[in-house]
N, C-alpha and C. Protein backbone atom coordinates (compact mmCIF):
# COMPACT_ATOMS: atom_id res chain seq x y z
N MET A 1 -90.13 -2.90 47.88
CA MET A 1 -88.75 -2.64 48.25
C MET A 1 -88.42 -3.27 49.59
N THR A 2 -89.40 -3.34 50.47
CA THR A 2 -89.16 -3.91 51.80
C THR A 2 -88.82 -5.39 51.70
N ASP A 3 -89.47 -6.10 50.77
CA ASP A 3 -89.16 -7.52 50.60
C ASP A 3 -87.72 -7.72 50.15
N LYS A 4 -87.24 -6.85 49.27
CA LYS A 4 -85.85 -6.94 48.82
C LYS A 4 -84.90 -6.67 49.98
N MET A 5 -85.27 -5.73 50.84
CA MET A 5 -84.43 -5.43 51.99
C MET A 5 -84.35 -6.63 52.93
N TYR A 6 -85.50 -7.27 53.20
CA TYR A 6 -85.50 -8.47 54.04
C TYR A 6 -84.68 -9.59 53.41
N LYS A 7 -84.79 -9.76 52.08
CA LYS A 7 -83.98 -10.78 51.40
C LYS A 7 -82.49 -10.51 51.56
N ALA A 8 -82.12 -9.23 51.44
CA ALA A 8 -80.71 -8.86 51.57
C ALA A 8 -80.20 -9.12 52.98
N ILE A 9 -81.00 -8.81 53.98
CA ILE A 9 -80.60 -9.05 55.37
C ILE A 9 -80.47 -10.55 55.63
N ALA A 10 -81.44 -11.34 55.13
CA ALA A 10 -81.38 -12.79 55.32
C ALA A 10 -80.17 -13.39 54.62
N ALA A 11 -79.86 -12.91 53.43
CA ALA A 11 -78.70 -13.43 52.70
C ALA A 11 -77.40 -13.12 53.45
N GLU A 12 -77.31 -11.93 54.01
CA GLU A 12 -76.10 -11.56 54.76
C GLU A 12 -75.98 -12.38 56.04
N CYS A 13 -77.11 -12.64 56.70
CA CYS A 13 -77.09 -13.49 57.90
C CYS A 13 -76.60 -14.89 57.57
N ARG A 14 -77.07 -15.43 56.45
CA ARG A 14 -76.66 -16.79 56.05
C ARG A 14 -75.20 -16.86 55.64
N LYS A 15 -74.62 -15.75 55.18
CA LYS A 15 -73.19 -15.73 54.88
C LYS A 15 -72.37 -15.90 56.15
N ILE A 16 -72.88 -15.33 57.24
CA ILE A 16 -72.16 -15.41 58.51
C ILE A 16 -72.36 -16.77 59.16
N LYS A 17 -73.60 -17.25 59.20
CA LYS A 17 -73.89 -18.56 59.79
C LYS A 17 -75.09 -19.15 59.06
N ASP A 18 -74.92 -20.36 58.59
CA ASP A 18 -75.98 -21.02 57.84
C ASP A 18 -77.02 -21.59 58.81
N CYS A 19 -78.06 -20.80 59.07
CA CYS A 19 -79.16 -21.24 59.93
C CYS A 19 -80.43 -20.53 59.48
N ARG A 20 -81.52 -20.87 60.12
CA ARG A 20 -82.81 -20.29 59.72
C ARG A 20 -82.87 -18.80 60.04
N VAL A 21 -83.58 -18.09 59.16
CA VAL A 21 -83.82 -16.66 59.36
C VAL A 21 -85.34 -16.46 59.34
N TYR A 22 -85.87 -15.98 60.45
CA TYR A 22 -87.30 -15.74 60.57
C TYR A 22 -87.59 -14.26 60.40
N ARG A 23 -88.78 -13.96 59.88
CA ARG A 23 -89.19 -12.58 59.69
C ARG A 23 -90.37 -12.28 60.60
N ASP A 24 -90.20 -11.36 61.51
CA ASP A 24 -91.24 -10.83 62.39
C ASP A 24 -91.70 -11.75 63.51
N ASN A 25 -91.63 -13.06 63.38
CA ASN A 25 -91.97 -13.95 64.49
C ASN A 25 -91.25 -15.28 64.30
N HIS A 26 -91.12 -16.03 65.36
CA HIS A 26 -90.42 -17.31 65.30
C HIS A 26 -91.19 -18.32 66.14
N PRO A 27 -91.01 -19.60 65.86
CA PRO A 27 -91.71 -20.61 66.65
C PRO A 27 -91.17 -20.68 68.08
N GLN A 28 -92.00 -21.08 68.99
CA GLN A 28 -91.58 -21.22 70.39
C GLN A 28 -90.79 -22.51 70.58
N ASN A 29 -89.90 -22.50 71.56
CA ASN A 29 -89.11 -23.68 71.97
C ASN A 29 -88.27 -24.30 70.86
N PHE A 30 -87.72 -23.48 69.98
CA PHE A 30 -86.82 -24.06 68.98
C PHE A 30 -85.45 -24.25 69.61
N ARG A 31 -84.71 -25.23 69.13
CA ARG A 31 -83.45 -25.63 69.77
C ARG A 31 -82.20 -25.18 69.00
N GLU A 32 -82.31 -24.99 67.68
CA GLU A 32 -81.13 -24.67 66.89
C GLU A 32 -80.94 -23.16 66.82
N ALA A 33 -79.75 -22.75 66.41
CA ALA A 33 -79.46 -21.32 66.27
C ALA A 33 -80.35 -20.73 65.17
N ALA A 34 -80.73 -19.47 65.36
CA ALA A 34 -81.60 -18.82 64.38
C ALA A 34 -81.48 -17.31 64.48
N PHE A 35 -81.84 -16.65 63.39
CA PHE A 35 -81.94 -15.19 63.35
C PHE A 35 -83.41 -14.81 63.28
N LEU A 36 -83.73 -13.67 63.86
CA LEU A 36 -85.07 -13.10 63.76
C LEU A 36 -84.91 -11.65 63.33
N VAL A 37 -85.52 -11.28 62.20
CA VAL A 37 -85.41 -9.94 61.65
C VAL A 37 -86.71 -9.19 61.91
N VAL A 38 -86.61 -8.07 62.63
CA VAL A 38 -87.79 -7.31 63.02
C VAL A 38 -87.60 -5.84 62.64
N THR A 39 -88.64 -5.24 62.09
CA THR A 39 -88.64 -3.80 61.84
C THR A 39 -89.12 -3.10 63.10
N VAL A 40 -88.27 -2.26 63.66
CA VAL A 40 -88.61 -1.56 64.90
C VAL A 40 -89.40 -0.28 64.60
N ASP A 41 -88.97 0.45 63.57
CA ASP A 41 -89.59 1.73 63.26
C ASP A 41 -89.40 2.02 61.78
N THR A 42 -90.37 2.71 61.18
CA THR A 42 -90.26 3.13 59.79
C THR A 42 -90.66 4.59 59.69
N GLU A 43 -89.87 5.36 58.94
CA GLU A 43 -90.15 6.78 58.76
C GLU A 43 -90.10 7.11 57.28
N CYS A 44 -91.13 7.79 56.78
CA CYS A 44 -91.18 8.22 55.37
C CYS A 44 -91.20 9.74 55.32
N VAL A 45 -90.37 10.30 54.46
CA VAL A 45 -90.33 11.74 54.27
C VAL A 45 -90.53 12.02 52.78
N ARG A 46 -91.54 12.82 52.47
CA ARG A 46 -91.81 13.17 51.08
C ARG A 46 -90.75 14.14 50.57
N GLN A 47 -90.40 13.96 49.29
CA GLN A 47 -89.42 14.83 48.66
C GLN A 47 -89.99 15.37 47.35
N LEU A 48 -89.20 16.07 46.60
CA LEU A 48 -89.64 16.64 45.34
C LEU A 48 -90.01 15.55 44.33
N HIS A 49 -90.90 15.90 43.43
CA HIS A 49 -91.31 15.03 42.32
C HIS A 49 -91.91 13.71 42.78
N GLY A 50 -92.54 13.70 43.94
CA GLY A 50 -93.23 12.50 44.41
C GLY A 50 -92.32 11.43 45.00
N MET A 51 -91.03 11.71 45.17
CA MET A 51 -90.12 10.73 45.75
C MET A 51 -90.34 10.66 47.26
N GLN A 52 -89.94 9.53 47.84
CA GLN A 52 -90.01 9.36 49.29
C GLN A 52 -88.69 8.83 49.81
N LYS A 53 -88.20 9.42 50.88
CA LYS A 53 -87.02 8.90 51.56
C LYS A 53 -87.53 8.04 52.71
N VAL A 54 -87.20 6.75 52.69
CA VAL A 54 -87.71 5.80 53.67
C VAL A 54 -86.55 5.33 54.54
N THR A 55 -86.75 5.36 55.86
CA THR A 55 -85.76 4.87 56.81
C THR A 55 -86.40 3.79 57.66
N HIS A 56 -85.80 2.61 57.66
CA HIS A 56 -86.26 1.50 58.50
C HIS A 56 -85.23 1.29 59.61
N SER A 57 -85.69 1.26 60.84
CA SER A 57 -84.84 0.87 61.97
C SER A 57 -85.06 -0.62 62.19
N MET A 58 -83.99 -1.40 62.07
CA MET A 58 -84.08 -2.85 62.10
C MET A 58 -83.41 -3.42 63.35
N ASP A 59 -83.93 -4.56 63.78
CA ASP A 59 -83.35 -5.33 64.89
C ASP A 59 -83.19 -6.76 64.40
N VAL A 60 -81.94 -7.17 64.20
CA VAL A 60 -81.66 -8.56 63.83
C VAL A 60 -81.22 -9.26 65.11
N GLN A 61 -82.04 -10.20 65.56
CA GLN A 61 -81.76 -10.92 66.80
C GLN A 61 -81.14 -12.27 66.47
N TYR A 62 -80.13 -12.63 67.23
CA TYR A 62 -79.49 -13.94 67.06
C TYR A 62 -79.70 -14.75 68.33
N PHE A 63 -80.28 -15.94 68.14
CA PHE A 63 -80.51 -16.87 69.24
C PHE A 63 -79.47 -17.98 69.14
N PRO A 64 -78.53 -18.08 70.08
CA PRO A 64 -77.45 -19.06 69.99
C PRO A 64 -77.95 -20.47 70.30
N GLU A 65 -77.14 -21.45 69.86
CA GLU A 65 -77.50 -22.85 70.10
C GLU A 65 -76.65 -23.48 71.20
N SER A 66 -75.71 -22.76 71.74
CA SER A 66 -74.82 -23.30 72.77
C SER A 66 -75.58 -23.63 74.05
N PRO A 67 -74.97 -24.48 74.89
CA PRO A 67 -75.56 -24.66 76.22
C PRO A 67 -75.54 -23.34 76.98
N ILE A 68 -76.24 -23.27 78.06
CA ILE A 68 -76.42 -22.02 78.80
C ILE A 68 -75.10 -21.34 79.14
N GLN A 69 -74.07 -22.12 79.49
CA GLN A 69 -72.79 -21.52 79.88
C GLN A 69 -72.06 -20.87 78.71
N GLY A 70 -72.29 -21.29 77.47
CA GLY A 70 -71.55 -20.76 76.33
C GLY A 70 -72.31 -19.79 75.47
N ARG A 71 -73.52 -19.44 75.83
CA ARG A 71 -74.35 -18.58 74.98
C ARG A 71 -73.81 -17.17 74.87
N TYR A 72 -73.38 -16.60 75.97
CA TYR A 72 -72.87 -15.23 75.94
C TYR A 72 -71.63 -15.14 75.05
N ARG A 73 -70.74 -16.12 75.18
CA ARG A 73 -69.52 -16.14 74.37
C ARG A 73 -69.87 -16.27 72.88
N GLU A 74 -70.85 -17.12 72.56
CA GLU A 74 -71.26 -17.28 71.16
C GLU A 74 -71.88 -15.98 70.63
N CYS A 75 -72.64 -15.29 71.47
CA CYS A 75 -73.22 -14.01 71.06
C CYS A 75 -72.13 -12.96 70.82
N GLU A 76 -71.08 -12.97 71.64
CA GLU A 76 -69.96 -12.04 71.46
C GLU A 76 -69.27 -12.26 70.12
N LYS A 77 -69.04 -13.54 69.78
CA LYS A 77 -68.41 -13.85 68.48
C LYS A 77 -69.29 -13.43 67.32
N MET A 78 -70.60 -13.69 67.44
CA MET A 78 -71.52 -13.32 66.38
C MET A 78 -71.61 -11.80 66.25
N LYS A 79 -71.54 -11.09 67.37
CA LYS A 79 -71.58 -9.63 67.34
C LYS A 79 -70.41 -9.08 66.53
N GLU A 80 -69.21 -9.62 66.77
CA GLU A 80 -68.03 -9.17 66.02
C GLU A 80 -68.19 -9.43 64.53
N GLU A 81 -68.69 -10.63 64.17
CA GLU A 81 -68.88 -10.96 62.76
C GLU A 81 -69.92 -10.06 62.10
N MET A 82 -71.01 -9.80 62.78
CA MET A 82 -72.07 -8.97 62.20
C MET A 82 -71.61 -7.52 62.04
N LEU A 83 -70.87 -7.00 63.01
CA LEU A 83 -70.37 -5.63 62.89
C LEU A 83 -69.37 -5.51 61.74
N ARG A 84 -68.62 -6.56 61.46
CA ARG A 84 -67.67 -6.56 60.34
C ARG A 84 -68.35 -6.67 58.99
N HIS A 85 -69.35 -7.55 58.88
CA HIS A 85 -69.91 -7.89 57.57
C HIS A 85 -71.09 -7.03 57.13
N PHE A 86 -71.85 -6.50 58.03
CA PHE A 86 -73.04 -5.74 57.66
C PHE A 86 -72.68 -4.29 57.37
N ASP A 87 -72.26 -3.99 56.14
CA ASP A 87 -72.02 -2.63 55.69
C ASP A 87 -72.93 -2.30 54.52
N VAL A 88 -72.74 -3.04 53.44
CA VAL A 88 -73.58 -2.91 52.25
C VAL A 88 -74.17 -4.29 51.99
N ILE A 89 -75.48 -4.37 51.95
CA ILE A 89 -76.15 -5.64 51.69
C ILE A 89 -76.93 -5.50 50.39
N ASP A 90 -77.06 -6.60 49.66
CA ASP A 90 -77.79 -6.49 48.40
C ASP A 90 -78.58 -7.76 48.09
N ALA A 91 -79.65 -7.56 47.34
CA ALA A 91 -80.50 -8.65 46.87
C ALA A 91 -81.24 -8.18 45.63
N ASP A 92 -81.36 -9.05 44.67
CA ASP A 92 -82.08 -8.75 43.42
C ASP A 92 -81.55 -7.49 42.74
N GLY A 93 -80.25 -7.28 42.80
CA GLY A 93 -79.65 -6.14 42.12
C GLY A 93 -79.81 -4.80 42.82
N VAL A 94 -80.34 -4.79 44.04
CA VAL A 94 -80.52 -3.55 44.80
C VAL A 94 -79.62 -3.60 46.02
N SER A 95 -78.84 -2.53 46.22
CA SER A 95 -77.93 -2.46 47.37
C SER A 95 -78.49 -1.53 48.43
N PHE A 96 -78.29 -1.91 49.69
CA PHE A 96 -78.72 -1.10 50.83
C PHE A 96 -77.51 -0.83 51.69
N TYR A 97 -77.37 0.42 52.14
CA TYR A 97 -76.28 0.82 53.01
C TYR A 97 -76.80 0.92 54.44
N LEU A 98 -76.06 0.31 55.38
CA LEU A 98 -76.48 0.30 56.77
C LEU A 98 -75.80 1.43 57.53
N ARG A 99 -76.57 2.08 58.39
CA ARG A 99 -76.05 3.18 59.19
C ARG A 99 -76.41 2.96 60.65
N GLY A 100 -75.62 3.55 61.52
CA GLY A 100 -75.93 3.54 62.95
C GLY A 100 -75.95 2.15 63.55
N LYS A 101 -74.96 1.33 63.21
CA LYS A 101 -74.92 -0.04 63.72
C LYS A 101 -74.57 -0.06 65.20
N THR A 102 -75.38 -0.76 65.99
CA THR A 102 -75.09 -1.00 67.40
C THR A 102 -75.47 -2.44 67.72
N ALA A 103 -74.86 -2.97 68.75
CA ALA A 103 -75.17 -4.34 69.15
C ALA A 103 -75.12 -4.45 70.66
N ASN A 104 -76.05 -5.23 71.21
CA ASN A 104 -76.03 -5.51 72.65
C ASN A 104 -76.58 -6.91 72.88
N ILE A 105 -76.23 -7.46 74.02
CA ILE A 105 -76.67 -8.81 74.38
C ILE A 105 -77.57 -8.68 75.60
N THR A 106 -78.81 -9.16 75.45
CA THR A 106 -79.80 -9.11 76.53
C THR A 106 -80.40 -10.50 76.68
N ASP A 107 -80.35 -11.05 77.88
CA ASP A 107 -80.92 -12.38 78.17
C ASP A 107 -80.40 -13.44 77.19
N ASP A 108 -79.10 -13.43 76.93
CA ASP A 108 -78.44 -14.39 76.03
C ASP A 108 -78.97 -14.35 74.60
N VAL A 109 -79.45 -13.20 74.18
CA VAL A 109 -79.88 -12.98 72.79
C VAL A 109 -79.16 -11.73 72.29
N LEU A 110 -78.53 -11.85 71.12
CA LEU A 110 -77.84 -10.72 70.52
C LEU A 110 -78.85 -9.87 69.76
N HIS A 111 -78.83 -8.57 70.02
CA HIS A 111 -79.66 -7.61 69.29
C HIS A 111 -78.73 -6.73 68.48
N PHE A 112 -78.80 -6.87 67.16
CA PHE A 112 -77.99 -6.08 66.24
C PHE A 112 -78.91 -5.05 65.60
N LEU A 113 -78.72 -3.78 65.95
CA LEU A 113 -79.61 -2.70 65.52
C LEU A 113 -78.92 -1.83 64.48
N PHE A 114 -79.67 -1.42 63.46
CA PHE A 114 -79.13 -0.54 62.43
C PHE A 114 -80.29 0.12 61.68
N ASP A 115 -79.94 1.13 60.89
CA ASP A 115 -80.91 1.83 60.05
C ASP A 115 -80.59 1.57 58.59
N VAL A 116 -81.63 1.41 57.79
CA VAL A 116 -81.50 1.28 56.34
C VAL A 116 -82.30 2.42 55.73
N THR A 117 -81.65 3.22 54.88
CA THR A 117 -82.31 4.36 54.24
C THR A 117 -82.23 4.20 52.73
N TYR A 118 -83.35 4.42 52.07
CA TYR A 118 -83.37 4.38 50.61
C TYR A 118 -84.42 5.36 50.11
N THR A 119 -84.37 5.67 48.82
CA THR A 119 -85.32 6.59 48.21
C THR A 119 -86.17 5.83 47.21
N GLU A 120 -87.47 6.00 47.31
CA GLU A 120 -88.40 5.38 46.38
C GLU A 120 -88.83 6.40 45.34
N TYR A 121 -88.79 6.00 44.09
CA TYR A 121 -89.23 6.85 43.00
C TYR A 121 -90.60 6.37 42.53
N PRO A 122 -91.51 7.27 42.27
CA PRO A 122 -92.84 6.83 41.83
C PRO A 122 -92.77 6.27 40.41
N GLU A 123 -93.61 5.27 40.16
CA GLU A 123 -93.70 4.74 38.81
C GLU A 123 -94.57 5.68 38.00
N LYS A 124 -94.06 6.07 36.86
CA LYS A 124 -94.79 7.02 36.03
C LYS A 124 -95.37 6.31 34.82
N ASP A 125 -96.57 6.71 34.47
CA ASP A 125 -97.16 6.22 33.22
C ASP A 125 -96.60 7.07 32.10
N VAL A 126 -95.79 6.46 31.28
CA VAL A 126 -95.18 7.17 30.19
C VAL A 126 -96.04 6.96 28.96
N SER A 127 -96.48 8.06 28.38
CA SER A 127 -97.28 7.91 27.17
C SER A 127 -96.36 7.55 26.02
N ARG A 128 -96.75 6.57 25.31
CA ARG A 128 -95.93 6.08 24.21
C ARG A 128 -96.34 6.78 22.91
N VAL A 129 -95.38 6.94 22.04
CA VAL A 129 -95.65 7.54 20.74
C VAL A 129 -96.38 6.51 19.90
N GLU A 130 -97.48 6.93 19.35
CA GLU A 130 -98.25 6.02 18.51
C GLU A 130 -97.94 6.28 17.06
N ASP A 131 -98.11 5.27 16.23
CA ASP A 131 -97.92 5.44 14.79
C ASP A 131 -99.07 6.28 14.24
N MET A 132 -98.69 7.25 13.48
CA MET A 132 -99.70 8.09 12.86
C MET A 132 -99.46 8.11 11.36
N SER A 133 -100.51 8.16 10.63
CA SER A 133 -100.35 8.28 9.18
C SER A 133 -100.79 9.68 8.78
N LEU A 134 -100.08 10.21 7.86
CA LEU A 134 -100.33 11.57 7.40
C LEU A 134 -100.76 11.52 5.95
N ASN A 135 -101.85 12.10 5.66
CA ASN A 135 -102.36 12.12 4.30
C ASN A 135 -101.85 13.40 3.63
N THR A 136 -100.93 13.22 2.69
CA THR A 136 -100.34 14.38 2.03
C THR A 136 -101.04 14.72 0.71
N LYS A 137 -101.97 13.90 0.33
CA LYS A 137 -102.71 14.17 -0.91
C LYS A 137 -103.91 15.03 -0.57
N THR A 138 -103.74 16.28 -0.86
CA THR A 138 -104.83 17.21 -0.58
C THR A 138 -105.43 17.70 -1.89
N GLU A 139 -106.70 17.94 -1.87
CA GLU A 139 -107.38 18.46 -3.05
C GLU A 139 -107.62 19.94 -2.85
N GLU A 140 -107.46 20.65 -3.96
CA GLU A 140 -107.65 22.09 -3.88
C GLU A 140 -108.93 22.50 -4.55
């Protein structure tokens, strides 16, 4: 499920700006604009029937490509776009709802923070009905 969540976040980032999206780490000294998606915290709570409620606290960082004088302004524009567009994200037919969206700019890097909560259901082994033959010819 986590891979689907990362795919959904990357797809939403690319809708806003077509650039590279890195997961968990990025190369040093890159020059073009890029996103970095990092999981800050994960919490699992067990529920009835083996279900789990999972909450991921995410940090989507945006590294601008502008010269030093225009980076803050570019981060401000990106912050507005991300706050507008990141509500419901989906990938592979699974939708995720974002909660607790906040954004701040630190050292000319935009940090867009939010929580994603979903419930995981356990996969059950379902016994299948087998064909049975019944012998109705009985001898007395």
